[in-house]
Amino acid sequence: MLTLIVLLLYTGAVVFDLLPLKKRPKKQNILYCVLLSVSFGVLFVFSLGTEMPSASEPIRSFVQTLFNIE
């Protein structure tokens, strides 16, 4: 059921947002489409029940390395 809701909401967003894209600059359109695709992919995988790996551990490791924290 959640997957169907995700599909319907993103379909509506694409229909209503992509219609006026001809009025915007090309770079902005490309960025919009890439971000929309990434967010759809993440939300769709989440709606299927797949657990996404957490990014907190690599970020913590990077910050500790950057500031020499042990």
N, C-alpha and C. Protein backbone atom coordinates (compact mmCIF):
# COMPACT_ATOMS: atom_id res chain seq x y z
N MET A 1 0.83 -1.19 0.00
CA MET A 1 0.00 0.00 0.00
C MET A 1 0.88 1.27 0.00
N LEU A 2 1.95 1.22 0.80
CA LEU A 2 2.85 2.37 0.87
C LEU A 2 3.52 2.62 -0.48
N THR A 3 3.86 1.54 -1.18
CA THR A 3 4.49 1.66 -2.49
C THR A 3 3.55 2.34 -3.47
N LEU A 4 2.29 2.00 -3.44
CA LEU A 4 1.30 2.61 -4.32
C LEU A 4 1.16 4.10 -4.03
N ILE A 5 1.17 4.46 -2.76
CA ILE A 5 1.08 5.88 -2.38
C ILE A 5 2.29 6.65 -2.89
N VAL A 6 3.48 6.07 -2.75
CA VAL A 6 4.70 6.70 -3.24
C VAL A 6 4.62 6.91 -4.75
N LEU A 7 4.20 5.88 -5.46
CA LEU A 7 4.09 5.98 -6.92
C LEU A 7 3.10 7.06 -7.34
N LEU A 8 1.96 7.11 -6.67
CA LEU A 8 0.95 8.11 -7.01
C LEU A 8 1.42 9.53 -6.72
N LEU A 9 2.06 9.72 -5.57
CA LEU A 9 2.53 11.07 -5.21
C LEU A 9 3.63 11.55 -6.16
N TYR A 10 4.57 10.68 -6.49
CA TYR A 10 5.64 11.09 -7.40
C TYR A 10 5.12 11.28 -8.82
N THR A 11 4.14 10.49 -9.23
CA THR A 11 3.53 10.69 -10.54
C THR A 11 2.87 12.06 -10.59
N GLY A 12 2.16 12.42 -9.53
CA GLY A 12 1.54 13.74 -9.48
C GLY A 12 2.57 14.86 -9.48
N ALA A 13 3.65 14.66 -8.76
CA ALA A 13 4.71 15.69 -8.72
C ALA A 13 5.33 15.86 -10.09
N VAL A 14 5.57 14.77 -10.78
CA VAL A 14 6.18 14.85 -12.11
C VAL A 14 5.23 15.53 -13.09
N VAL A 15 3.96 15.16 -13.05
CA VAL A 15 3.00 15.76 -13.98
C VAL A 15 2.86 17.26 -13.75
N PHE A 16 2.74 17.68 -12.49
CA PHE A 16 2.52 19.09 -12.21
C PHE A 16 3.81 19.92 -12.24
N ASP A 17 4.95 19.32 -11.98
CA ASP A 17 6.19 20.08 -11.95
C ASP A 17 6.93 20.08 -13.29
N LEU A 18 6.80 19.04 -14.05
CA LEU A 18 7.54 18.98 -15.31
C LEU A 18 6.85 19.72 -16.45
N LEU A 19 5.59 20.04 -16.31
CA LEU A 19 4.90 20.78 -17.36
C LEU A 19 5.50 22.18 -17.58
N PRO A 20 5.77 22.94 -16.52
CA PRO A 20 6.36 24.28 -16.75
C PRO A 20 7.89 24.28 -16.84
N LEU A 21 8.53 23.13 -17.06
CA LEU A 21 9.99 23.09 -17.11
C LEU A 21 10.57 23.85 -18.30
N LYS A 22 9.82 24.03 -19.34
CA LYS A 22 10.34 24.72 -20.52
C LYS A 22 10.67 26.18 -20.22
N LYS A 23 10.11 26.72 -19.16
CA LYS A 23 10.34 28.12 -18.81
C LYS A 23 11.60 28.32 -17.97
N ARG A 24 12.15 27.23 -17.42
CA ARG A 24 13.32 27.32 -16.56
C ARG A 24 14.61 27.03 -17.35
N PRO A 25 15.74 27.46 -16.82
CA PRO A 25 17.03 27.16 -17.48
C PRO A 25 17.31 25.65 -17.50
N LYS A 26 18.08 25.22 -18.50
CA LYS A 26 18.35 23.80 -18.70
C LYS A 26 19.09 23.17 -17.52
N LYS A 27 20.08 23.88 -16.95
CA LYS A 27 20.83 23.34 -15.82
C LYS A 27 19.92 23.10 -14.63
N GLN A 28 18.99 24.00 -14.41
CA GLN A 28 18.06 23.86 -13.30
C GLN A 28 17.15 22.65 -13.52
N ASN A 29 16.74 22.42 -14.76
CA ASN A 29 15.91 21.26 -15.08
C ASN A 29 16.65 19.96 -14.82
N ILE A 30 17.91 19.91 -15.22
CA ILE A 30 18.71 18.70 -15.02
C ILE A 30 18.88 18.42 -13.54
N LEU A 31 19.22 19.44 -12.77
CA LEU A 31 19.38 19.27 -11.33
C LEU A 31 18.08 18.82 -10.68
N TYR A 32 16.98 19.41 -11.08
CA TYR A 32 15.68 19.04 -10.54
C TYR A 32 15.37 17.57 -10.83
N CYS A 33 15.59 17.14 -12.05
CA CYS A 33 15.31 15.75 -12.43
C CYS A 33 16.21 14.77 -11.70
N VAL A 34 17.48 15.11 -11.53
CA VAL A 34 18.40 14.22 -10.81
C VAL A 34 17.98 14.10 -9.35
N LEU A 35 17.70 15.22 -8.69
CA LEU A 35 17.30 15.17 -7.29
C LEU A 35 15.96 14.46 -7.10
N LEU A 36 15.04 14.67 -8.02
CA LEU A 36 13.74 14.00 -7.96
C LEU A 36 13.92 12.49 -8.13
N SER A 37 14.80 12.09 -9.03
CA SER A 37 15.05 10.66 -9.26
C SER A 37 15.70 10.00 -8.05
N VAL A 38 16.67 10.68 -7.45
CA VAL A 38 17.34 10.12 -6.28
C VAL A 38 16.36 10.00 -5.11
N SER A 39 15.57 11.04 -4.88
CA SER A 39 14.63 10.97 -3.77
C SER A 39 13.56 9.91 -4.01
N PHE A 40 13.12 9.76 -5.26
CA PHE A 40 12.15 8.71 -5.57
C PHE A 40 12.76 7.33 -5.33
N GLY A 41 13.98 7.14 -5.76
CA GLY A 41 14.64 5.85 -5.58
C GLY A 41 14.77 5.46 -4.13
N VAL A 42 15.20 6.40 -3.31
CA VAL A 42 15.36 6.12 -1.88
C VAL A 42 14.01 5.83 -1.23
N LEU A 43 13.02 6.64 -1.53
CA LEU A 43 11.70 6.44 -0.92
C LEU A 43 11.04 5.16 -1.42
N PHE A 44 11.24 4.82 -2.69
CA PHE A 44 10.65 3.60 -3.24
C PHE A 44 11.27 2.36 -2.58
N VAL A 45 12.59 2.36 -2.44
CA VAL A 45 13.27 1.22 -1.80
C VAL A 45 12.83 1.12 -0.34
N PHE A 46 12.68 2.26 0.34
CA PHE A 46 12.21 2.26 1.72
C PHE A 46 10.78 1.71 1.80
N SER A 47 9.93 2.06 0.84
CA SER A 47 8.54 1.60 0.87
C SER A 47 8.44 0.10 0.64
N LEU A 48 9.45 -0.50 0.03
CA LEU A 48 9.45 -1.95 -0.17
C LEU A 48 9.91 -2.70 1.08
N GLY A 49 10.36 -1.96 2.09
CA GLY A 49 10.74 -2.58 3.36
C GLY A 49 12.22 -2.86 3.50
N THR A 50 13.02 -2.40 2.56
CA THR A 50 14.46 -2.60 2.62
C THR A 50 15.07 -1.57 3.55
N GLU A 51 15.96 -2.03 4.43
CA GLU A 51 16.62 -1.09 5.33
C GLU A 51 17.80 -0.45 4.62
N MET A 52 17.90 0.85 4.74
CA MET A 52 18.99 1.60 4.12
C MET A 52 20.14 1.67 5.12
N PRO A 53 21.38 1.53 4.63
CA PRO A 53 22.51 1.64 5.54
C PRO A 53 22.65 3.07 6.06
N SER A 54 23.07 3.18 7.29
CA SER A 54 23.22 4.49 7.90
C SER A 54 24.53 5.14 7.45
N ALA A 55 24.50 6.42 7.24
CA ALA A 55 25.70 7.15 6.83
C ALA A 55 26.42 7.76 8.03
N SER A 56 25.94 7.52 9.22
CA SER A 56 26.53 8.16 10.39
C SER A 56 27.94 7.65 10.71
N GLU A 57 28.18 6.38 10.51
CA GLU A 57 29.50 5.83 10.83
C GLU A 57 30.60 6.38 9.91
N PRO A 58 30.43 6.42 8.58
CA PRO A 58 31.46 7.04 7.74
C PRO A 58 31.66 8.53 8.03
N ILE A 59 30.58 9.24 8.34
CA ILE A 59 30.69 10.66 8.66
C ILE A 59 31.46 10.84 9.96
N ARG A 60 31.14 10.03 10.96
CA ARG A 60 31.84 10.10 12.25
C ARG A 60 33.33 9.81 12.06
N SER A 61 33.65 8.81 11.27
CA SER A 61 35.04 8.46 11.01
C SER A 61 35.77 9.59 10.30
N PHE A 62 35.11 10.22 9.34
CA PHE A 62 35.71 11.34 8.62
C PHE A 62 35.99 12.52 9.54
N VAL A 63 35.03 12.85 10.40
CA VAL A 63 35.18 13.97 11.32
C VAL A 63 36.28 13.68 12.35
N GLN A 64 36.34 12.46 12.83
CA GLN A 64 37.39 12.10 13.78
C GLN A 64 38.76 12.18 13.12
N THR A 65 38.88 11.76 11.88
CA THR A 65 40.14 11.86 11.17
C THR A 65 40.50 13.30 10.89
N LEU A 66 39.51 14.10 10.54
CA LEU A 66 39.73 15.50 10.20
C LEU A 66 40.24 16.31 11.41
N PHE A 67 39.68 16.04 12.58
CA PHE A 67 40.03 16.80 13.77
C PHE A 67 40.93 16.03 14.73
N ASN A 68 41.45 14.91 14.32
CA ASN A 68 42.34 14.08 15.14
C ASN A 68 41.72 13.72 16.49
N ILE A 69 40.48 13.33 16.48
CA ILE A 69 39.75 12.92 17.69
C ILE A 69 39.87 11.40 17.80
N GLU A 70 40.11 10.94 19.00
CA GLU A 70 40.20 9.48 19.19
C GLU A 70 39.07 8.96 20.00
